Amino acid sequence: MPCPRGAPTLLHVVPASAALVAIAMLPFACTVGPDYESPEIETPPVFSTSLEDRPDDPEPPNLDRWWTRFGDPILDELIAQAEAGSYDLKRAVAAIEQYRAGYGLAESQLYPSISLGAAYSRNRTNAAQLGGLAAPAPFNAWTYGLDLATWELDVFGKLRRSIEASRGEYQASVEEWRNVLVTLRAEVASAYVGLRVLQARRAVVAETVDLLERQLGIVAARRSAGTVTDLDLSESEATLALALAELPLVDAQVAQQLNALSVLVGEYPGDLGRRLAEPAPIPQLDAPIETGVPAQLILRRPDLRVAERELAARVASIGVAVAGLYPEVSLAGSIGIFATDFAGLGDIGNLTYRAGPQIVWNFFNGGLTRAQIAQAEAVADAAEIDYRAAVLEAVAEVETAASNVGYASTSLRRVDRAVTDARRGIALAIRQYEAGTIDLDRLIQYERTVLDLEDKRLQASGLLGQNVVELCRSLGGDWAETPLPEAAADAYPEPMPDSSSSPDPESVPAAAPAVARATKESAS
């Protein structure tokens, strides 16, 4: 039945009618507090940044195992290793287990707690305890039976709202695991791309050193012939020294990147360095990721699902606080045998029992309950604000990542064109050198220019690859087909009876809104 709005009126009952009141209230049990709703959230119709001509009816981006589209088996192996060995993922699973246990604790409160026990004691009462009367002789006390601890009947839904809140927190921990998974894959891919860029740049620096050594030899020979000065020789020596100094710096960056990758995949540094010591091409995606799609798709991101489930939990907590305005109805009792000798334990005449309901109503506490309700509502309001802000930031992340991919792609095309032009020029310079129109020093300087452009091309290629990885992550990555850990097996159970039915993210299409709004219920 619908719960009454506002505080209950004072019940004028006498102790003799307490049982009747308790029994009479059971059919009218309800769930107080606001129900959790899922209103639409306003997002742009489409992302404003599109990486290609936008079709009239754009398809959602294909992010299924997006990292395999780089066509690099080593990257695939690293991500698989990270999924198996990452301590961040293991920590997230431990958090799921923690919240699953909390959910189980909340559910257990719906059921009675019955204990079976037996005891023996030797007893003696003195005259002082009996007010001066003659004390009886010492006696034995044998007892066994069942005891029903105070069992709160969830008349106004406090326990069900508590279960609802715990379920939301449990589900949020599952979504956080998914968020860690998506982030981990992106971090591994980005670190791997960065490693391949550094290895390729190291080769360019080494080739530059070779050129500068050749150039220094030419300058030294000219100095011996007296055609150049000591200043020219010193300049060549300094330029070579700078290039030589750059080699250990690049080596240090490579080692740092390898160590970071080792941590991501969950292994100690060393083995991975040997496996990845051989340079390989910088991974690039085989086709662009389309972003000219409805921005509503951003709501599939696991971090936003975390915020939505936390909001659901905070709304349910309002109902727990509102239930404090109403009486608590509980049952307690015990049944057993009490005897003064062991043989009497089998005598039904020694049966003892007690049973009965109890109603407790804290109808005055100086405004404590109302303050708790106001606090719970404020916390829910803050959770909704956090969620909406997270959606806004997520859309901005996609827009930024998409624009970065576009700019990096343009930069790479232009540098590629410059490298192509420079390599055509180097062929001409070689012919001129062979014809004697330019000297070797001029040829080497031109070759250095080509190497500088090659270095810029490598940096642009790596930047594009890392921006593509970030775009895939910001769009939500690929988590839908990844099996949940065993600890999350019952994260989305059937809705509790008589409680609000929060949406099951497992059954909601990716494009469906996941925002929730608390319909505030006045408790005044």
Protein backbone atom coordinates (compact mmCIF):
# COMPACT_ATOMS: atom_id res chain seq x y z
CA MET A 1 0.00 0.00 0.00
CA PRO A 2 1.19 3.60 -0.45
CA CYS A 3 3.03 4.86 2.58
CA PRO A 4 1.63 7.89 4.39
CA ARG A 5 3.36 11.18 3.75
CA GLY A 6 4.55 13.02 6.78
CA ALA A 7 5.21 11.86 10.32
CA PRO A 8 2.85 9.27 11.84
CA THR A 9 0.46 10.40 14.53
CA LEU A 10 0.93 9.19 18.10
CA LEU A 11 -0.52 5.72 18.64
CA HIS A 12 -2.46 5.44 21.91
CA VAL A 13 -1.94 1.81 22.75
CA VAL A 14 -1.77 -0.15 25.95
CA PRO A 15 0.71 -2.99 26.51
CA ALA A 16 -2.01 -5.61 26.25
CA SER A 17 -2.80 -4.63 22.65
CA ALA A 18 0.80 -4.52 21.40
CA ALA A 19 0.59 -7.96 19.77
CA LEU A 20 -2.62 -7.10 17.98
CA VAL A 21 -1.12 -3.87 16.68
CA ALA A 22 1.97 -5.69 15.37
CA ILE A 23 -0.07 -8.35 13.60
CA ALA A 24 -2.50 -5.81 12.20
CA MET A 25 0.31 -3.70 10.68
CA LEU A 26 1.91 -6.53 8.68
CA PRO A 27 -0.57 -6.53 5.76
CA PHE A 28 -0.02 -2.77 5.39
CA ALA A 29 3.78 -2.91 5.09
CA CYS A 30 5.19 -0.38 2.65
CA THR A 31 8.46 1.24 1.62
CA VAL A 32 8.92 4.85 2.60
CA GLY A 33 11.26 7.31 0.95
CA PRO A 34 11.71 8.41 -2.69
CA ASP A 35 11.68 5.88 -5.49
CA TYR A 36 14.61 5.89 -7.88
CA GLU A 37 13.76 7.13 -11.37
CA SER A 38 15.72 7.15 -14.61
CA PRO A 39 14.99 10.38 -16.49
CA GLU A 40 16.62 11.31 -19.75
CA ILE A 41 19.81 13.30 -19.57
CA GLU A 42 20.41 15.99 -22.13
CA THR A 43 23.48 15.47 -24.27
CA PRO A 44 24.32 16.94 -27.67
CA PRO A 45 22.52 15.13 -30.52
CA VAL A 46 25.90 14.09 -31.91
CA PHE A 47 29.52 14.71 -31.10
CA SER A 48 30.55 17.87 -32.88
CA THR A 49 33.91 16.47 -33.98
CA SER A 50 33.67 13.96 -36.81
CA LEU A 51 36.76 12.29 -38.29
CA GLU A 52 35.15 11.69 -41.67
CA ASP A 53 32.10 12.75 -43.67
CA ARG A 54 29.12 12.25 -41.40
CA PRO A 55 26.39 9.95 -42.83
CA ASP A 56 22.73 10.73 -42.41
CA ASP A 57 22.27 7.73 -40.10
CA PRO A 58 25.64 7.16 -38.38
CA GLU A 59 26.43 3.79 -36.90
CA PRO A 60 27.87 3.45 -33.40
CA PRO A 61 31.67 3.19 -33.40
CA ASN A 62 32.99 -0.33 -33.59
CA LEU A 63 35.05 -0.70 -30.40
CA ASP A 64 34.98 -4.50 -30.17
CA ARG A 65 38.54 -5.47 -29.20
CA TRP A 66 39.68 -2.18 -30.65
CA TRP A 67 43.35 -2.85 -29.88
CA THR A 68 43.43 -5.75 -32.36
CA ARG A 69 42.81 -3.26 -35.15
CA PHE A 70 46.39 -2.05 -34.70
CA GLY A 71 47.45 -5.36 -36.23
CA ASP A 72 50.22 -5.95 -33.68
CA PRO A 73 50.24 -9.45 -32.09
CA ILE A 74 52.64 -8.30 -29.37
CA LEU A 75 50.18 -5.62 -28.27
CA ASP A 76 47.42 -8.23 -28.18
CA GLU A 77 49.60 -10.44 -25.96
CA LEU A 78 50.46 -7.59 -23.62
CA ILE A 79 46.82 -6.65 -23.10
CA ALA A 80 45.90 -10.29 -22.46
CA GLN A 81 48.75 -10.53 -19.96
CA ALA A 82 47.62 -7.32 -18.26
CA GLU A 83 44.06 -8.62 -17.93
CA ALA A 84 45.42 -11.71 -16.19
CA GLY A 85 48.13 -10.15 -14.05
CA SER A 86 47.27 -6.51 -13.33
CA TYR A 87 47.16 -5.71 -9.64
CA ASP A 88 44.78 -2.85 -10.33
CA LEU A 89 42.26 -5.36 -11.67
CA LYS A 90 42.87 -7.69 -8.74
CA ARG A 91 42.33 -4.81 -6.35
CA ALA A 92 39.06 -4.00 -8.12
CA VAL A 93 37.93 -7.63 -7.72
CA ALA A 94 38.73 -7.45 -4.00
CA ALA A 95 36.56 -4.33 -3.78
CA ILE A 96 33.71 -6.22 -5.49
CA GLU A 97 34.03 -8.99 -2.91
CA GLN A 98 33.91 -6.42 -0.13
CA TYR A 99 30.72 -4.79 -1.41
CA ARG A 100 29.19 -8.16 -2.21
CA ALA A 101 29.67 -9.11 1.43
CA GLY A 102 28.09 -5.82 2.50
CA TYR A 103 25.14 -6.57 0.24
CA GLY A 104 24.80 -9.99 1.86
CA LEU A 105 24.89 -8.44 5.32
CA ALA A 106 22.08 -6.06 4.37
CA GLU A 107 19.96 -8.88 2.94
CA SER A 108 20.45 -10.99 6.06
CA GLN A 109 18.61 -8.39 8.13
CA LEU A 110 15.33 -9.36 6.44
CA TYR A 111 15.41 -12.78 8.06
CA PRO A 112 15.25 -13.92 11.69
CA SER A 113 18.34 -14.95 13.57
CA ILE A 114 17.70 -18.24 15.42
CA SER A 115 20.34 -19.85 17.57
CA LEU A 116 20.51 -23.27 19.21
CA GLY A 117 22.22 -23.55 22.56
CA ALA A 118 22.70 -25.58 25.68
CA ALA A 119 24.17 -24.69 29.09
CA TYR A 120 24.87 -26.00 32.55
CA SER A 121 25.55 -24.02 35.70
CA ARG A 122 25.81 -24.57 39.46
CA ASN A 123 23.85 -21.87 41.29
CA ARG A 124 23.55 -20.60 44.87
CA THR A 125 21.53 -17.62 46.07
CA ASN A 126 22.33 -15.89 49.37
CA ALA A 127 19.98 -14.27 51.87
CA ALA A 128 20.99 -10.74 50.85
CA GLN A 129 19.76 -11.35 47.33
CA LEU A 130 16.43 -12.55 48.73
CA GLY A 131 15.92 -9.60 51.06
CA GLY A 132 16.83 -11.49 54.22
CA LEU A 133 14.79 -14.59 53.50
CA ALA A 134 16.31 -17.99 53.97
CA ALA A 135 18.47 -18.92 51.00
CA PRO A 136 17.67 -22.19 49.26
CA ALA A 137 20.27 -24.89 48.90
CA PRO A 138 22.61 -24.76 45.88
CA PHE A 139 21.10 -26.27 42.74
CA ASN A 140 22.03 -27.31 39.23
CA ALA A 141 20.62 -25.63 36.12
CA TRP A 142 20.45 -27.61 32.88
CA THR A 143 18.97 -25.95 29.79
CA TYR A 144 18.83 -26.22 26.04
CA GLY A 145 16.63 -24.81 23.29
CA LEU A 146 16.16 -22.28 20.52
CA ASP A 147 16.43 -18.52 20.84
CA LEU A 148 14.96 -15.99 18.43
CA ALA A 149 16.93 -12.76 18.63
CA THR A 150 14.97 -9.58 18.14
CA TRP A 151 13.70 -9.77 14.57
CA GLU A 152 12.70 -6.45 13.07
CA LEU A 153 9.67 -6.68 10.78
CA ASP A 154 10.28 -4.43 7.79
CA VAL A 155 6.92 -2.71 8.04
CA PHE A 156 8.07 0.60 6.58
CA GLY A 157 10.80 -0.66 4.28
CA LYS A 158 13.88 0.49 6.15
CA LEU A 159 15.62 -2.84 5.60
CA ARG A 160 14.60 -3.03 1.96
CA ARG A 161 15.89 0.47 1.33
CA SER A 162 19.12 -0.51 3.06
CA ILE A 163 19.38 -3.55 0.76
CA GLU A 164 18.70 -1.31 -2.21
CA ALA A 165 21.52 1.02 -1.15
CA SER A 166 23.93 -1.87 -0.63
CA ARG A 167 22.97 -3.34 -3.99
CA GLY A 168 23.74 0.00 -5.68
CA GLU A 169 27.16 0.13 -4.02
CA TYR A 170 27.82 -3.47 -5.02
CA GLN A 171 26.88 -2.75 -8.63
CA ALA A 172 29.03 0.40 -8.58
CA SER A 173 32.03 -1.71 -7.57
CA VAL A 174 31.38 -3.99 -10.55
CA GLU A 175 31.24 -1.01 -12.90
CA GLU A 176 34.46 0.30 -11.33
CA TRP A 177 36.11 -3.01 -12.21
CA ARG A 178 34.99 -2.48 -15.79
CA ASN A 179 36.35 1.05 -15.68
CA VAL A 180 39.71 -0.24 -14.46
CA LEU A 181 39.68 -2.81 -17.28
CA VAL A 182 38.99 -0.18 -19.95
CA THR A 183 41.63 2.16 -18.51
CA LEU A 184 44.19 -0.63 -18.20
CA ARG A 185 43.85 -1.66 -21.84
CA ALA A 186 44.28 1.95 -22.94
CA GLU A 187 47.31 2.47 -20.70
CA VAL A 188 49.00 -0.68 -22.00
CA ALA A 189 48.35 0.30 -25.62
CA SER A 190 49.53 3.87 -25.09
CA ALA A 191 52.68 2.75 -23.26
CA TYR A 192 53.44 0.21 -25.99
CA VAL A 193 53.05 2.82 -28.73
CA GLY A 194 55.31 5.14 -26.75
CA LEU A 195 57.93 2.39 -26.43
CA ARG A 196 57.99 1.73 -30.16
CA VAL A 197 58.34 5.47 -30.83
CA LEU A 198 61.30 5.74 -28.47
CA GLN A 199 62.99 2.70 -29.98
CA ALA A 200 62.59 4.13 -33.49
CA ARG A 201 63.84 7.53 -32.38
CA ARG A 202 66.85 5.86 -30.76
CA ALA A 203 67.76 4.40 -34.16
CA VAL A 204 67.48 7.87 -35.73
CA VAL A 205 69.73 9.36 -33.05
CA ALA A 206 72.30 6.58 -33.60
CA GLU A 207 72.25 7.25 -37.36
CA THR A 208 72.68 10.95 -36.68
CA VAL A 209 75.74 10.18 -34.55
CA ASP A 210 77.23 8.21 -37.44
CA LEU A 211 76.68 11.14 -39.80
CA LEU A 212 78.22 13.61 -37.35
CA GLU A 213 81.24 11.38 -36.88
CA ARG A 214 81.74 11.34 -40.66
CA GLN A 215 81.30 15.10 -40.75
CA LEU A 216 83.81 15.56 -37.93
CA GLY A 217 86.35 13.50 -39.88
CA ILE A 218 85.91 15.78 -42.89
CA VAL A 219 86.28 18.93 -40.78
CA ALA A 220 89.37 17.53 -39.02
CA ALA A 221 90.98 16.76 -42.39
CA ARG A 222 90.22 20.26 -43.62
CA ARG A 223 91.67 21.71 -40.44
CA SER A 224 94.88 19.80 -41.03
CA ALA A 225 94.93 21.18 -44.55
CA GLY A 226 94.35 24.67 -43.20
CA THR A 227 91.12 25.28 -45.12
CA VAL A 228 88.98 25.69 -41.94
CA THR A 229 89.69 27.14 -38.54
CA ASP A 230 89.76 25.64 -35.05
CA LEU A 231 86.33 27.20 -34.48
CA ASP A 232 84.85 25.00 -37.23
CA LEU A 233 86.44 21.94 -35.66
CA SER A 234 85.20 22.82 -32.18
CA GLU A 235 81.68 23.39 -33.53
CA SER A 236 81.65 19.92 -35.15
CA GLU A 237 82.98 18.30 -32.00
CA ALA A 238 80.33 20.02 -29.85
CA THR A 239 77.53 18.98 -32.23
CA LEU A 240 78.69 15.36 -32.07
CA ALA A 241 78.97 15.49 -28.28
CA LEU A 242 75.39 16.74 -28.01
CA ALA A 243 74.15 13.90 -30.20
CA LEU A 244 76.13 11.36 -28.19
CA ALA A 245 74.65 12.79 -24.97
CA GLU A 246 71.15 12.28 -26.36
CA LEU A 247 71.63 8.52 -26.74
CA PRO A 248 71.67 7.67 -22.99
CA LEU A 249 68.71 9.97 -22.44
CA VAL A 250 66.67 8.05 -25.02
CA ASP A 251 67.88 4.76 -23.51
CA ALA A 252 66.69 5.93 -20.11
CA GLN A 253 63.26 6.77 -21.55
CA VAL A 254 63.07 3.32 -23.16
CA ALA A 255 63.92 1.67 -19.84
CA GLN A 256 61.35 3.79 -18.03
CA GLN A 257 58.68 2.86 -20.56
CA LEU A 258 59.52 -0.83 -20.25
CA ASN A 259 59.30 -0.66 -16.47
CA ALA A 260 55.92 1.08 -16.68
CA LEU A 261 54.67 -1.61 -19.05
CA SER A 262 55.93 -4.32 -16.70
CA VAL A 263 53.89 -2.88 -13.84
CA LEU A 264 50.79 -2.63 -16.03
CA VAL A 265 50.99 -6.29 -17.07
CA GLY A 266 51.80 -7.42 -13.52
CA GLU A 267 55.37 -8.65 -13.79
CA TYR A 268 58.76 -7.55 -12.48
CA PRO A 269 60.93 -5.49 -14.85
CA GLY A 270 63.52 -7.41 -16.83
CA ASP A 271 61.75 -10.18 -18.72
CA LEU A 272 59.59 -7.75 -20.66
CA GLY A 273 62.66 -5.75 -21.66
CA ARG A 274 64.20 -8.82 -23.24
CA ARG A 275 60.96 -9.70 -25.02
CA LEU A 276 60.55 -6.20 -26.48
CA ALA A 277 64.21 -5.38 -27.07
CA GLU A 278 63.85 -5.76 -30.84
CA PRO A 279 62.36 -2.55 -32.35
CA ALA A 280 59.10 -2.89 -34.28
CA PRO A 281 56.91 -0.54 -36.33
CA ILE A 282 54.77 1.99 -34.50
CA PRO A 283 51.20 0.58 -34.36
CA GLN A 284 48.55 2.49 -36.26
CA LEU A 285 44.82 1.83 -36.54
CA ASP A 286 43.64 0.31 -39.80
CA ALA A 287 40.67 2.71 -40.09
CA PRO A 288 39.44 5.84 -38.28
CA ILE A 289 37.05 5.73 -35.34
CA GLU A 290 33.86 7.53 -36.29
CA THR A 291 32.57 10.02 -33.71
CA GLY A 292 29.72 11.56 -35.69
CA VAL A 293 27.28 9.48 -33.66
CA PRO A 294 24.70 10.27 -30.97
CA ALA A 295 26.50 11.56 -27.89
CA GLN A 296 23.99 9.58 -25.82
CA LEU A 297 26.28 6.60 -26.45
CA ILE A 298 28.71 8.13 -23.96
CA LEU A 299 26.47 6.80 -21.17
CA ARG A 300 27.86 3.31 -21.78
CA ARG A 301 31.16 4.39 -20.26
CA PRO A 302 31.88 2.37 -17.10
CA ASP A 303 32.91 5.40 -15.06
CA LEU A 304 29.52 7.00 -15.75
CA ARG A 305 27.80 3.75 -14.82
CA VAL A 306 29.72 3.86 -11.54
CA ALA A 307 28.36 7.34 -10.84
CA GLU A 308 24.81 6.27 -11.79
CA ARG A 309 24.86 3.27 -9.45
CA GLU A 310 26.27 5.37 -6.62
CA LEU A 311 23.44 7.82 -7.16
CA ALA A 312 20.93 4.96 -6.90
CA ALA A 313 22.50 3.93 -3.60
CA ARG A 314 22.33 7.47 -2.21
CA VAL A 315 18.65 7.79 -3.16
CA ALA A 316 17.87 4.53 -1.39
CA SER A 317 19.62 5.85 1.73
CA ILE A 318 17.00 8.59 1.92
CA GLY A 319 14.36 5.92 2.51
CA VAL A 320 16.44 4.44 5.33
CA ALA A 321 16.48 7.85 7.00
CA VAL A 322 12.75 8.48 6.41
CA ALA A 323 11.91 5.15 8.05
CA GLY A 324 13.26 6.62 11.28
CA LEU A 325 10.04 8.67 11.54
CA TYR A 326 7.98 5.51 11.94
CA PRO A 327 7.71 2.84 14.65
CA GLU A 328 9.90 -0.25 14.58
CA VAL A 329 8.00 -3.51 14.98
CA SER A 330 9.95 -6.58 16.04
CA LEU A 331 9.45 -10.10 17.35
CA ALA A 332 11.48 -11.97 19.95
CA GLY A 333 11.16 -15.29 21.72
CA SER A 334 12.73 -18.53 22.86
CA ILE A 335 11.74 -22.12 23.55
CA GLY A 336 13.64 -24.73 25.48
CA ILE A 337 13.90 -27.08 28.47
CA PHE A 338 15.03 -25.98 31.94
CA ALA A 339 15.78 -28.61 34.57
CA THR A 340 17.70 -28.86 37.83
CA ASP A 341 19.05 -32.32 37.01
CA PHE A 342 20.25 -33.96 33.84
CA ALA A 343 17.42 -36.47 33.73
CA GLY A 344 14.91 -33.63 33.60
CA LEU A 345 16.13 -32.50 30.17
CA GLY A 346 13.83 -35.07 28.58
CA ASP A 347 10.76 -34.09 30.57
CA ILE A 348 8.29 -32.05 28.50
CA GLY A 349 6.96 -30.68 31.74
CA ASN A 350 10.18 -28.62 32.00
CA LEU A 351 9.38 -26.81 28.75
CA THR A 352 9.77 -23.02 28.86
CA TYR A 353 9.04 -20.47 26.19
CA ARG A 354 8.46 -16.80 25.60
CA ALA A 355 7.27 -15.00 22.46
CA GLY A 356 5.80 -11.68 21.60
CA PRO A 357 6.00 -8.55 19.47
CA GLN A 358 7.52 -5.23 20.38
CA ILE A 359 6.82 -1.76 19.06
CA VAL A 360 9.34 1.01 19.60
CA TRP A 361 8.68 4.50 18.32
CA ASN A 362 11.27 7.19 18.81
CA PHE A 363 8.73 9.96 18.28
CA PHE A 364 10.91 12.69 19.79
CA ASN A 365 14.68 12.99 19.44
CA GLY A 366 15.26 16.72 19.13
CA GLY A 367 15.06 16.75 15.32
CA LEU A 368 17.75 14.09 14.84
CA THR A 369 15.74 12.04 12.34
CA ARG A 370 14.74 15.04 10.26
CA ALA A 371 18.35 16.17 10.17
CA GLN A 372 19.38 12.70 8.99
CA ILE A 373 16.77 12.87 6.23
CA ALA A 374 17.99 16.31 5.15
CA GLN A 375 21.56 15.05 5.15
CA ALA A 376 20.67 11.99 3.05
CA GLU A 377 18.81 14.18 0.55
CA ALA A 378 21.78 16.53 0.28
CA VAL A 379 24.12 13.60 -0.31
CA ALA A 380 21.82 12.31 -3.07
CA ASP A 381 21.66 15.78 -4.62
CA ALA A 382 25.46 15.93 -4.62
CA ALA A 383 25.64 12.46 -6.20
CA GLU A 384 23.31 13.58 -8.99
CA ILE A 385 25.39 16.70 -9.55
CA ASP A 386 28.54 14.56 -9.66
CA TYR A 387 26.92 12.30 -12.21
CA ARG A 388 25.77 15.10 -14.48
CA ALA A 389 29.19 16.75 -14.21
CA ALA A 390 30.85 13.44 -15.08
CA VAL A 391 28.68 13.16 -18.22
CA LEU A 392 29.65 16.68 -19.26
CA GLU A 393 33.34 15.93 -18.70
CA ALA A 394 33.04 12.65 -20.60
CA VAL A 395 31.55 14.38 -23.65
CA ALA A 396 34.36 16.94 -23.49
CA GLU A 397 36.94 14.14 -23.31
CA VAL A 398 35.55 12.55 -26.48
CA GLU A 399 35.51 15.88 -28.29
CA THR A 400 39.09 16.61 -27.20
CA ALA A 401 40.33 13.15 -28.13
CA ALA A 402 38.61 13.27 -31.51
CA SER A 403 40.03 16.69 -32.33
CA ASN A 404 43.48 15.57 -31.20
CA VAL A 405 43.25 12.58 -33.54
CA GLY A 406 42.27 14.90 -36.39
CA TYR A 407 45.09 17.35 -35.71
CA ALA A 408 47.67 14.58 -35.22
CA SER A 409 46.56 12.94 -38.47
CA THR A 410 46.93 16.22 -40.33
CA SER A 411 50.36 16.80 -38.79
CA LEU A 412 51.50 13.30 -39.75
CA ARG A 413 50.36 13.74 -43.35
CA ARG A 414 52.28 16.99 -43.64
CA VAL A 415 55.44 15.57 -42.08
CA ASP A 416 55.14 12.50 -44.33
CA ARG A 417 54.99 14.83 -47.33
CA ALA A 418 58.06 16.72 -46.07
CA VAL A 419 59.97 13.47 -45.58
CA THR A 420 59.01 12.31 -49.07
CA ASP A 421 60.18 15.61 -50.56
CA ALA A 422 63.39 15.49 -48.54
CA ARG A 423 64.18 11.95 -49.65
CA ARG A 424 63.70 12.99 -53.28
CA GLY A 425 66.10 15.82 -52.54
CA ILE A 426 68.68 13.51 -51.00
CA ALA A 427 68.80 11.50 -54.20
CA LEU A 428 69.49 14.73 -56.09
CA ALA A 429 72.14 15.74 -53.56
CA ILE A 430 73.90 12.40 -53.98
CA ARG A 431 74.03 12.88 -57.78
CA GLN A 432 75.38 16.41 -57.28
CA TYR A 433 78.03 15.10 -54.90
CA GLU A 434 79.01 12.42 -57.38
CA ALA A 435 79.19 15.13 -60.07
CA GLY A 436 81.40 17.22 -57.83
CA THR A 437 79.04 20.21 -57.58
CA ILE A 438 78.71 19.85 -53.79
CA ASP A 439 81.13 18.47 -51.24
CA LEU A 440 80.61 15.65 -48.74
CA ASP A 441 80.08 18.06 -45.88
CA ARG A 442 77.09 19.64 -47.67
CA LEU A 443 75.69 16.17 -48.42
CA ILE A 444 75.98 15.13 -44.78
CA GLN A 445 74.23 18.30 -43.63
CA TYR A 446 71.37 17.52 -45.99
CA GLU A 447 71.19 13.96 -44.67
CA ARG A 448 70.94 15.38 -41.14
CA THR A 449 67.97 17.45 -42.23
CA VAL A 450 66.28 14.30 -43.51
CA LEU A 451 66.95 12.52 -40.21
CA ASP A 452 65.47 15.45 -38.27
CA LEU A 453 62.34 15.18 -40.38
CA GLU A 454 62.28 11.41 -39.81
CA ASP A 455 62.38 12.03 -36.07
CA LYS A 456 59.46 14.46 -36.32
CA ARG A 457 57.54 11.89 -38.38
CA LEU A 458 58.10 9.25 -35.69
CA GLN A 459 56.86 11.62 -32.99
CA ALA A 460 53.79 12.53 -35.05
CA SER A 461 53.05 8.86 -35.73
CA GLY A 462 53.29 7.99 -32.04
CA LEU A 463 51.14 10.95 -31.06
CA LEU A 464 48.46 9.87 -33.52
CA GLY A 465 48.51 6.29 -32.19
CA GLN A 466 48.22 7.42 -28.58
CA ASN A 467 45.43 9.86 -29.42
CA VAL A 468 43.51 7.06 -31.14
CA VAL A 469 43.92 4.94 -28.00
CA GLU A 470 42.59 7.79 -25.88
CA LEU A 471 39.63 8.21 -28.24
CA CYS A 472 38.75 4.52 -27.87
CA ARG A 473 38.98 4.82 -24.09
CA SER A 474 36.93 8.02 -23.91
CA LEU A 475 34.18 6.42 -26.01
CA GLY A 476 33.85 3.66 -23.42
CA GLY A 477 36.30 1.06 -24.67
CA ASP A 478 35.15 -2.53 -25.06
CA TRP A 479 33.84 -4.22 -21.91
CA ALA A 480 30.45 -5.66 -22.86
CA GLU A 481 31.80 -9.03 -23.97
CA THR A 482 34.31 -9.40 -21.15
CA PRO A 483 33.07 -11.92 -18.54
CA LEU A 484 32.59 -10.52 -15.07
CA PRO A 485 34.70 -11.92 -12.24
CA GLU A 486 33.06 -14.59 -10.13
CA ALA A 487 32.60 -12.14 -7.27
CA ALA A 488 30.14 -10.17 -9.45
CA ALA A 489 27.95 -13.15 -10.37
CA ASP A 490 24.89 -11.84 -8.50
CA ALA A 491 25.48 -8.11 -8.91
CA TYR A 492 22.18 -7.60 -10.72
CA PRO A 493 19.56 -9.76 -8.97
CA GLU A 494 15.83 -9.50 -9.33
CA PRO A 495 14.36 -6.37 -7.73
CA MET A 496 13.48 -6.75 -4.06
CA PRO A 497 9.74 -7.11 -3.28
CA ASP A 498 7.99 -3.85 -2.52
CA SER A 499 11.11 -1.86 -3.22
CA SER A 500 11.85 0.47 -6.08
CA SER A 501 13.14 -1.27 -9.14
CA SER A 502 16.36 0.35 -10.23
CA PRO A 503 17.36 -0.21 -13.84
CA ASP A 504 19.62 -3.16 -14.55
CA PRO A 505 22.51 -1.83 -16.65
CA GLU A 506 23.01 -5.35 -18.00
CA SER A 507 19.60 -5.22 -19.67
CA VAL A 508 19.64 -1.60 -20.85
CA PRO A 509 20.79 -0.89 -24.43
CA ALA A 510 24.05 0.97 -24.67
CA ALA A 511 22.34 4.09 -25.94
CA ALA A 512 19.72 4.19 -23.20
CA PRO A 513 20.03 6.90 -20.54
CA ALA A 514 21.44 5.82 -17.24
CA VAL A 515 20.83 8.97 -15.26
CA ALA A 516 18.63 8.82 -12.22
CA ARG A 517 16.65 11.43 -10.39
CA ALA A 518 15.42 11.21 -6.83
CA THR A 519 11.77 12.17 -6.52
CA LYS A 520 12.02 13.89 -3.22
CA GLU A 521 9.29 12.93 -0.77
CA SER A 522 8.39 15.41 1.93
CA ALA A 523 8.64 13.92 5.39
CA SER A 524 7.29 16.83 7.28
